[in-house]
C-alpha atoms as a PDB file:
ATOM      1  CA  MET A   1      68.033 129.112  90.853  1.00  0.00           C
ATOM      2  CA  ARG A   2      67.846 126.407  93.515  1.00  0.00           C
ATOM      3  CA  LEU A   3      67.306 127.481  97.121  1.00  0.00           C
ATOM      4  CA  ARG A   4      67.837 125.565 100.334  1.00  0.00           C
ATOM      5  CA  GLU A   5      64.873 123.982 102.101  1.00  0.00           C
ATOM      6  CA  SER A   6      64.540 126.963 104.419  1.00  0.00           C
ATOM      7  CA  GLY A   7      64.249 129.358 101.476  1.00  0.00           C
ATOM      8  CA  ASP A   8      61.107 130.987 100.103  1.00  0.00           C
ATOM      9  CA  ALA A   9      61.018 130.856  96.297  1.00  0.00           C
ATOM     10  CA  PHE A  10      58.338 133.547  95.952  1.00  0.00           C
ATOM     11  CA  VAL A  11      59.989 136.045  98.305  1.00  0.00           C
ATOM     12  CA  HIS A  12      63.412 135.419  96.778  1.00  0.00           C
ATOM     13  CA  ALA A  13      62.139 135.858  93.213  1.00  0.00           C
ATOM     14  CA  ILE A  14      60.602 139.206  94.161  1.00  0.00           C
ATOM     15  CA  ALA A  15      63.871 140.313  95.755  1.00  0.00           C
ATOM     16  CA  ILE A  16      65.906 139.575  92.613  1.00  0.00           C
ATOM     17  CA  ALA A  17      63.246 140.251  89.947  1.00  0.00           C
ATOM     18  CA  GLU A  18      64.507 143.618  88.794  1.00  0.00           C
ATOM     19  CA  GLU A  19      68.118 142.491  88.531  1.00  0.00           C
ATOM     20  CA  SER A  20      67.577 138.965  87.175  1.00  0.00           C
ATOM     21  CA  GLY A  21      64.844 139.729  84.654  1.00  0.00           C
ATOM     22  CA  ALA A  22      62.202 137.757  82.796  1.00  0.00           C
ATOM     23  CA  GLY A  23      62.373 133.990  82.799  1.00  0.00           C
ATOM     24  CA  THR A  24      64.277 133.653  86.059  1.00  0.00           C
ATOM     25  CA  LEU A  25      62.968 130.591  87.909  1.00  0.00           C
ATOM     26  CA  THR A  26      63.604 129.998  91.603  1.00  0.00           C
ATOM     27  CA  TYR A  27      62.717 126.765  93.369  1.00  0.00           C
ATOM     28  CA  VAL A  28      63.206 125.181  96.774  1.00  0.00           C
ATOM     29  CA  GLY A  29      64.851 121.784  97.129  1.00  0.00           C
ATOM     30  CA  ARG A  30      62.157 119.965  99.145  1.00  0.00           C
ATOM     31  CA  PHE A  31      60.678 116.514  98.642  1.00  0.00           C
ATOM     32  CA  ASP A  32      57.313 117.186 100.332  1.00  0.00           C
ATOM     33  CA  LEU A  33      56.456 120.369  98.458  1.00  0.00           C
ATOM     34  CA  ALA A  34      56.917 121.644  94.920  1.00  0.00           C
ATOM     35  CA  GLU A  35      57.684 125.313  95.542  1.00  0.00           C
ATOM     36  CA  PHE A  36      58.807 127.616  92.745  1.00  0.00           C
ATOM     37  CA  ALA A  37      58.436 131.124  91.315  1.00  0.00           C
ATOM     38  CA  VAL A  38      59.066 132.742  87.948  1.00  0.00           C
ATOM     39  CA  VAL A  39      59.798 136.347  87.000  1.00  0.00           C
ATOM     40  CA  LEU A  40      57.763 137.920  84.180  1.00  0.00           C
ATOM     41  CA  GLU A  41      58.151 141.267  82.407  1.00  0.00           C
ATOM     42  CA  PRO A  42      54.831 142.216  80.785  1.00  0.00           C
ATOM     43  CA  GLY A  43      54.568 144.886  78.142  1.00  0.00           C
ATOM     44  CA  GLU A  44      51.187 146.260  79.161  1.00  0.00           C
ATOM     45  CA  ALA A  45      49.622 148.237  81.991  1.00  0.00           C
ATOM     46  CA  LEU A  46      49.385 146.585  85.396  1.00  0.00           C
ATOM     47  CA  ARG A  47      45.579 146.443  85.363  1.00  0.00           C
ATOM     48  CA  THR A  48      45.669 144.015  82.418  1.00  0.00           C
ATOM     49  CA  ALA A  49      49.145 142.531  82.958  1.00  0.00           C
ATOM     50  CA  ARG A  50      47.893 140.724  86.074  1.00  0.00           C
ATOM     51  CA  ARG A  51      46.022 138.396  83.730  1.00  0.00           C
ATOM     52  CA  ALA A  52      49.356 136.595  83.342  1.00  0.00           C
ATOM     53  CA  PHE A  53      48.309 134.905  86.573  1.00  0.00           C
ATOM     54  CA  TYR A  54      45.599 133.047  84.670  1.00  0.00           C
ATOM     55  CA  ALA A  55      48.121 131.811  82.111  1.00  0.00           C
ATOM     56  CA  ALA A  56      50.401 130.575  84.894  1.00  0.00           C
ATOM     57  CA  MET A  57      47.516 128.772  86.610  1.00  0.00           C
ATOM     58  CA  VAL A  58      46.681 127.024  83.337  1.00  0.00           C
ATOM     59  CA  ALA A  59      50.325 125.938  83.103  1.00  0.00           C
ATOM     60  CA  LEU A  60      50.288 124.764  86.719  1.00  0.00           C
ATOM     61  CA  THR A  61      47.204 122.591  86.291  1.00  0.00           C
ATOM     62  CA  ASP A  62      48.520 121.245  82.983  1.00  0.00           C
ATOM     63  CA  ALA A  63      51.741 120.286  84.758  1.00  0.00           C
ATOM     64  CA  LEU A  64      49.711 118.289  87.263  1.00  0.00           C
ATOM     65  CA  ARG A  65      47.576 116.696  84.553  1.00  0.00           C
ATOM     66  CA  THR A  66      50.752 115.369  82.943  1.00  0.00           C
ATOM     67  CA  TYR A  67      51.328 113.096  85.942  1.00  0.00           C
ATOM     68  CA  ALA A  68      47.760 112.574  87.153  1.00  0.00           C
ATOM     69  CA  PRO A  69      46.181 109.111  87.132  1.00  0.00           C
ATOM     70  CA  PRO A  70      43.281 108.662  84.685  1.00  0.00           C
ATOM     71  CA  ASN A  71      40.009 110.360  85.655  1.00  0.00           C
ATOM     72  CA  LYS A  72      41.569 112.501  88.393  1.00  0.00           C
ATOM     73  CA  GLU A  73      39.715 115.805  88.559  1.00  0.00           C
ATOM     74  CA  ILE A  74      42.047 118.793  88.870  1.00  0.00           C
ATOM     75  CA  THR A  75      40.183 122.034  89.520  1.00  0.00           C
ATOM     76  CA  ILE A  76      40.806 125.643  90.537  1.00  0.00           C
ATOM     77  CA  ASP A  77      38.923 127.552  93.212  1.00  0.00           C
ATOM     78  CA  TRP A  78      38.897 131.054  91.720  1.00  0.00           C
ATOM     79  CA  PRO A  79      41.274 132.621  91.543  1.00  0.00           C
ATOM     80  CA  ASP A  80      44.198 130.755  93.047  1.00  0.00           C
ATOM     81  CA  ALA A  81      43.645 127.409  94.842  1.00  0.00           C
ATOM     82  CA  VAL A  82      44.269 124.006  93.233  1.00  0.00           C
ATOM     83  CA  ARG A  83      42.368 120.867  94.195  1.00  0.00           C
ATOM     84  CA  VAL A  84      42.721 117.232  93.177  1.00  0.00           C
ATOM     85  CA  ASP A  85      39.448 115.312  93.514  1.00  0.00           C
ATOM     86  CA  GLY A  86      38.295 118.021  95.908  1.00  0.00           C
ATOM     87  CA  GLY A  87      41.359 117.937  98.175  1.00  0.00           C
ATOM     88  CA  LEU A  88      43.425 121.105  98.475  1.00  0.00           C
ATOM     89  CA  VAL A  89      47.009 120.533  97.276  1.00  0.00           C
ATOM     90  CA  GLY A  90      48.207 124.125  96.868  1.00  0.00           C
ATOM     91  CA  GLY A  91      47.874 127.071  94.549  1.00  0.00           C
ATOM     92  CA  GLY A  92      49.446 130.136  93.008  1.00  0.00           C
ATOM     93  CA  ARG A  93      50.086 133.747  93.989  1.00  0.00           C
ATOM     94  CA  LEU A  94      51.214 136.911  92.233  1.00  0.00           C
ATOM     95  CA  GLY A  95      53.496 139.747  93.258  1.00  0.00           C
ATOM     96  CA  TRP A  96      54.190 143.128  91.630  1.00  0.00           C
ATOM     97  CA  PRO A  97      55.924 146.385  92.638  1.00  0.00           C
ATOM     98  CA  SER A  98      53.679 148.118  95.173  1.00  0.00           C
ATOM     99  CA  SER A  99      54.464 151.549  93.757  1.00  0.00           C
ATOM    100  CA  THR A 100      53.273 150.739  90.223  1.00  0.00           C
ATOM    101  CA  LYS A 101      50.145 152.592  89.104  1.00  0.00           C
ATOM    102  CA  GLU A 102      47.365 150.657  87.412  1.00  0.00           C
ATOM    103  CA  ASP A 103      47.850 152.336  84.011  1.00  0.00           C
ATOM    104  CA  VAL A 104      51.650 151.817  83.913  1.00  0.00           C
ATOM    105  CA  PRO A 105      53.491 148.617  82.882  1.00  0.00           C
ATOM    106  CA  PRO A 106      55.060 147.013  85.975  1.00  0.00           C
ATOM    107  CA  ARG A 107      58.821 146.518  85.998  1.00  0.00           C
ATOM    108  CA  TRP A 108      58.144 142.879  86.834  1.00  0.00           C
ATOM    109  CA  LEU A 109      55.564 140.357  87.969  1.00  0.00           C
ATOM    110  CA  VAL A 110      56.339 137.241  89.982  1.00  0.00           C
ATOM    111  CA  PHE A 111      54.150 134.149  89.877  1.00  0.00           C
ATOM    112  CA  GLY A 112      54.759 131.721  92.700  1.00  0.00           C
ATOM    113  CA  ALA A 113      53.265 128.289  93.345  1.00  0.00           C
ATOM    114  CA  MET A 114      53.249 125.570  95.969  1.00  0.00           C
ATOM    115  CA  ILE A 115      51.953 122.042  95.460  1.00  0.00           C
ATOM    116  CA  ARG A 116      51.954 119.531  98.296  1.00  0.00           C
ATOM    117  CA  THR A 117      53.619 116.387  96.946  1.00  0.00           C
ATOM    118  CA  VAL A 118      53.847 114.306 100.125  1.00  0.00           C
ATOM    119  CA  ALA A 119      51.569 114.324 103.174  1.00  0.00           C
ATOM    120  CA  MET A 120      53.875 114.911 106.134  1.00  0.00           C
ATOM    121  CA  ALA A 121      51.578 115.323 109.149  1.00  0.00           C
ATOM    122  CA  ASP A 122      48.510 113.537 110.465  1.00  0.00           C
ATOM    123  CA  THR A 123      48.538 111.042 107.631  1.00  0.00           C
ATOM    124  CA  GLU A 124      45.690 108.970 109.092  1.00  0.00           C
ATOM    125  CA  ALA A 125      42.780 108.955 106.671  1.00  0.00           C
ATOM    126  CA  GLY A 126      40.101 111.511 107.492  1.00  0.00           C
ATOM    127  CA  VAL A 127      42.218 113.746 109.734  1.00  0.00           C
ATOM    128  CA  HIS A 128      42.279 116.529 107.124  1.00  0.00           C
ATOM    129  CA  PRO A 129      39.422 115.652 104.748  1.00  0.00           C
ATOM    130  CA  LEU A 130      39.657 118.932 102.799  1.00  0.00           C
ATOM    131  CA  ALA A 131      43.410 118.667 102.126  1.00  0.00           C
ATOM    132  CA  SER A 132      45.433 116.234 100.062  1.00  0.00           C
ATOM    133  CA  ALA A 133      48.861 115.598  98.533  1.00  0.00           C
ATOM    134  CA  LEU A 134      49.991 114.140  95.232  1.00  0.00           C
ATOM    135  CA  ASP A 135      51.204 110.921  96.833  1.00  0.00           C
ATOM    136  CA  GLN A 136      47.758 110.388  98.346  1.00  0.00           C
ATOM    137  CA  GLU A 137      46.153 110.919  94.942  1.00  0.00           C
ATOM    138  CA  GLY A 138      48.200 108.289  93.131  1.00  0.00           C
ATOM    139  CA  PHE A 139      50.634 110.559  91.289  1.00  0.00           C
ATOM    140  CA  GLY A 140      53.401 107.991  91.694  1.00  0.00           C
ATOM    141  CA  GLU A 141      56.924 109.347  91.307  1.00  0.00           C
ATOM    142  CA  ALA A 142      55.853 112.883  90.424  1.00  0.00           C
ATOM    143  CA  GLY A 143      57.909 114.924  92.866  1.00  0.00           C
ATOM    144  CA  ALA A 144      58.883 118.558  93.218  1.00  0.00           C
ATOM    145  CA  VAL A 145      61.476 118.515  90.420  1.00  0.00           C
ATOM    146  CA  GLN A 146      59.126 116.871  87.923  1.00  0.00           C
ATOM    147  CA  ILE A 147      56.258 119.260  88.678  1.00  0.00           C
ATOM    148  CA  THR A 148      58.536 122.309  88.460  1.00  0.00           C
ATOM    149  CA  GLU A 149      60.024 121.235  85.121  1.00  0.00           C
ATOM    150  CA  SER A 150      56.589 120.410  83.724  1.00  0.00           C
ATOM    151  CA  PHE A 151      55.263 123.816  84.797  1.00  0.00           C
ATOM    152  CA  ALA A 152      58.106 125.600  82.997  1.00  0.00           C
ATOM    153  CA  ARG A 153      57.358 123.728  79.757  1.00  0.00           C
ATOM    154  CA  HIS A 154      53.634 124.373  79.937  1.00  0.00           C
ATOM    155  CA  LEU A 155      54.127 128.047  80.787  1.00  0.00           C
ATOM    156  CA  MET A 156      56.037 128.504  77.537  1.00  0.00           C
ATOM    157  CA  LEU A 157      53.229 126.761  75.638  1.00  0.00           C
ATOM    158  CA  VAL A 158      50.445 128.841  77.147  1.00  0.00           C
ATOM    159  CA  THR A 159      52.459 132.037  76.606  1.00  0.00           C
ATOM    160  CA  GLU A 160      52.712 131.155  72.927  1.00  0.00           C
ATOM    161  CA  THR A 161      48.961 130.556  72.835  1.00  0.00           C
ATOM    162  CA  TRP A 162      48.402 134.033  74.284  1.00  0.00           C
ATOM    163  CA  GLN A 163      50.716 135.623  71.724  1.00  0.00           C
ATOM    164  CA  VAL A 164      49.150 133.802  68.763  1.00  0.00           C
ATOM    165  CA  ASP A 165      45.464 133.582  69.691  1.00  0.00           C
ATOM    166  CA  GLY A 166      45.062 136.375  72.219  1.00  0.00           C
ATOM    167  CA  PHE A 167      44.108 136.342  75.880  1.00  0.00           C
ATOM    168  CA  ASP A 168      40.607 135.044  75.191  1.00  0.00           C
ATOM    169  CA  ALA A 169      42.111 131.645  74.349  1.00  0.00           C
ATOM    170  CA  VAL A 170      43.905 131.583  77.710  1.00  0.00           C
ATOM    171  CA  ALA A 171      40.753 132.711  79.520  1.00  0.00           C
ATOM    172  CA  ARG A 172      38.737 129.875  77.998  1.00  0.00           C
ATOM    173  CA  GLU A 173      41.318 127.360  79.139  1.00  0.00           C
ATOM    174  CA  PHE A 174      41.316 128.765  82.665  1.00  0.00           C
ATOM    175  CA  LEU A 175      37.521 128.790  82.939  1.00  0.00           C
ATOM    176  CA  THR A 176      37.320 125.100  82.026  1.00  0.00           C
ATOM    177  CA  ARG A 177      39.384 124.349  85.129  1.00  0.00           C
ATOM    178  CA  LEU A 178      36.991 126.008  87.572  1.00  0.00           C
ATOM    179  CA  ALA A 179      34.643 123.793  89.542  1.00  0.00           C
ATOM    180  CA  ARG A 180      31.327 123.640  87.732  1.00  0.00           C
ATOM    181  CA  GLU A 181      28.450 125.879  88.769  1.00  0.00           C
ATOM    182  CA  ARG A 182      25.062 124.897  87.395  1.00  0.00           C
ATOM    183  CA  GLN A 183      23.265 127.385  85.160  1.00  0.00           C
ATOM    184  CA  THR A 184      26.118 129.884  85.393  1.00  0.00           C
ATOM    185  CA  TYR A 185      27.933 131.540  82.487  1.00  0.00           C
ATOM    186  CA  ARG A 186      31.433 132.808  83.345  1.00  0.00           C
ATOM    187  CA  THR A 187      33.765 135.212  81.564  1.00  0.00           C
ATOM    188  CA  ILE A 188      36.892 137.176  82.453  1.00  0.00           C
ATOM    189  CA  ALA A 189      36.891 140.971  82.095  1.00  0.00           C
ATOM    190  CA  ASP A 190      39.733 142.979  80.570  1.00  0.00           C
ATOM    191  CA  ASN A 191      41.150 143.725  84.024  1.00  0.00           C
ATOM    192  CA  GLY A 192      40.898 140.076  85.139  1.00  0.00           C
ATOM    193  CA  ASP A 193      37.695 140.335  87.179  1.00  0.00           C
ATOM    194  CA  LEU A 194      35.498 137.232  87.044  1.00  0.00           C
ATOM    195  CA  LEU A 195      32.011 137.905  85.674  1.00  0.00           C
ATOM    196  CA  LEU A 196      29.144 135.516  86.457  1.00  0.00           C
ATOM    197  CA  ARG A 197      25.727 135.546  84.844  1.00  0.00           C
ATOM    198  CA  ARG A 198      23.202 133.142  86.311  1.00  0.00           C
ATOM    199  CA  ILE A 199      20.445 131.815  84.089  1.00  0.00           C
ATOM    200  CA  GLY A 200      17.083 133.173  85.131  1.00  0.00           C
ATOM    201  CA  ARG A 201      18.523 136.089  87.090  1.00  0.00           C
ATOM    202  CA  ASP A 202      19.076 139.674  86.056  1.00  0.00           C
ATOM    203  CA  GLY A 203      22.452 141.360  86.274  1.00  0.00           C
ATOM    204  CA  THR A 204      26.047 140.154  86.531  1.00  0.00           C
ATOM    205  CA  ASP A 205      28.061 139.275  89.608  1.00  0.00           C
ATOM    206  CA  ARG A 206      31.602 140.653  89.522  1.00  0.00           C
ATOM    207  CA  ARG A 207      34.497 139.280  91.577  1.00  0.00           C
ATOM    208  CA  ASP A 208      37.440 141.632  92.101  1.00  0.00           C
ATOM    209  CA  PHE A 209      40.603 140.037  90.685  1.00  0.00           C
ATOM    210  CA  LYS A 210      43.109 142.419  92.273  1.00  0.00           C
ATOM    211  CA  LYS A 211      41.512 141.951  95.687  1.00  0.00           C
ATOM    212  CA  GLY A 212      41.439 138.190  95.216  1.00  0.00           C
ATOM    213  CA  LEU A 213      45.202 138.118  94.611  1.00  0.00           C
ATOM    214  CA  GLN A 214      46.161 140.201  97.610  1.00  0.00           C
ATOM    215  CA  SER A 215      45.656 137.375 100.134  1.00  0.00           C
ATOM    216  CA  PRO A 216      46.093 133.836  98.724  1.00  0.00           C
ATOM    217  CA  SER A 217      43.105 131.732  99.782  1.00  0.00           C
ATOM    218  CA  TRP A 218      45.126 128.502 100.014  1.00  0.00           C
ATOM    219  CA  PHE A 219      48.248 129.729 101.825  1.00  0.00           C
ATOM    220  CA  ASP A 220      48.630 129.269 105.579  1.00  0.00           C
ATOM    221  CA  PRO A 221      51.173 131.884 106.770  1.00  0.00           C
ATOM    222  CA  LYS A 222      51.674 130.051 110.079  1.00  0.00           C
ATOM    223  CA  ARG A 223      52.679 126.811 108.364  1.00  0.00           C
ATOM    224  CA  GLY A 224      54.359 128.484 105.406  1.00  0.00           C
ATOM    225  CA  GLY A 225      52.488 126.251 102.988  1.00  0.00           C
ATOM    226  CA  PRO A 226      49.042 125.103 101.846  1.00  0.00           C
ATOM    227  CA  TYR A 227      46.305 124.877 104.452  1.00  0.00           C
ATOM    228  CA  LEU A 228      45.499 121.493 105.989  1.00  0.00           C
END
């Protein structure tokens, strides 16, 4: 479902999720930003169903890798921000019915993503050293339509991987996309929390997945897009 440039794919997908059902894809017709959202209908309790976010983030980074120049490093800042060679280009977010209890399957989930394809403001080198866009990273003709279509294909592939090999296979793929931390062993708990064990230290650090999804780290509400 294509929306006008003023539309919000994530908000719109949430509004129509219950009526439209699983597989509905909304996207905004912009040239400077790949913005899209997809409706999911998981068959498990909310506390574990949120792990679909990890599968979608794998699909999102795979979509970018399809068009990336050789040796471009595409990484995820846990849980939701996407970087290309260290520059923030966007990320993903997840919505679910606020009334759903943790031990009940949600009626729907919505995964939404934004990837900055073209740098529109303050394009002088060094103005925003922590932000980037695909055109600045040498992605060529990879625009919003190409990234959206590639994401849809890769989401189907990673969903099949989950169904055949279990979530652990998806978790391994996601963890390989995180920026490296020396002497740190990382795993994902059943509820999606990130567990970190540091060599030479006792105990395990636990990062709350649900809390991490409630406020996207990459999204600037004032600009309506990725932070600069």
